[in-house]
Amino acid sequence: MKEALLADPKVQTHLTAERLDALLNPAAYTGLAGFFVDRVTGKHPAKAHA
């Protein structure tokens, strides 16, 4: 995927290869972790109104 993105001139204008490496690093992806933590701890708005 990185190679395809770097081949796109529009992407090259905004992102370096190093930045793409950081963005595509799965270890840095937190996804919905914050949402689930809030839900479990009762800080989620839906949980607070239930």
Protein backbone atom coordinates (compact mmCIF):
# COMPACT_ATOMS: atom_id res chain seq x y z
CA MET A 1 0.00 0.00 0.00
CA LYS A 2 2.82 2.37 0.85
CA GLU A 3 4.30 2.02 -2.63
CA ALA A 4 0.94 2.76 -4.25
CA LEU A 5 0.47 5.85 -2.10
CA LEU A 6 3.96 7.13 -2.82
CA ALA A 7 3.36 6.68 -6.54
CA ASP A 8 0.43 9.11 -6.35
CA PRO A 9 1.60 12.69 -6.95
CA LYS A 10 -1.23 14.06 -4.78
CA VAL A 11 0.00 11.97 -1.84
CA GLN A 12 3.64 12.88 -2.47
CA THR A 13 2.71 16.54 -2.17
CA HIS A 14 1.57 16.06 1.42
CA LEU A 15 3.31 13.00 2.87
CA THR A 16 6.89 11.78 3.00
CA ALA A 17 7.83 8.11 3.03
CA GLU A 18 8.70 8.44 6.71
CA ARG A 19 5.30 9.95 7.55
CA LEU A 20 3.54 7.17 5.64
CA ASP A 21 5.55 4.61 7.61
CA ALA A 22 4.30 6.20 10.82
CA LEU A 23 0.70 6.37 9.61
CA LEU A 24 0.71 2.77 8.42
CA ASN A 25 2.34 1.37 11.55
CA PRO A 26 -0.26 -0.91 13.18
CA ALA A 27 1.45 -0.60 16.57
CA ALA A 28 0.55 3.10 16.64
CA TYR A 29 -3.13 2.54 15.82
CA THR A 30 -5.40 2.92 18.82
CA GLY A 31 -8.65 2.61 16.89
CA LEU A 32 -11.64 2.65 19.20
CA ALA A 33 -9.64 1.95 22.36
CA GLY A 34 -10.64 5.27 23.95
CA PHE A 35 -14.31 4.63 23.21
CA PHE A 36 -14.20 1.20 24.84
CA VAL A 37 -12.31 2.47 27.89
CA ASP A 38 -14.89 5.21 28.36
CA ARG A 39 -17.69 2.69 27.95
CA VAL A 40 -16.21 0.29 30.48
CA THR A 41 -15.49 3.02 33.02
CA GLY A 42 -18.96 4.52 32.64
CA LYS A 43 -17.79 7.74 31.03
CA HIS A 44 -19.51 7.02 27.70
CA PRO A 45 -22.53 9.32 27.12
CA ALA A 46 -24.85 6.40 26.26
CA LYS A 47 -23.89 4.65 29.49
CA ALA A 48 -24.33 7.80 31.59
CA HIS A 49 -27.94 8.20 30.46
CA ALA A 50 -28.95 4.58 30.85
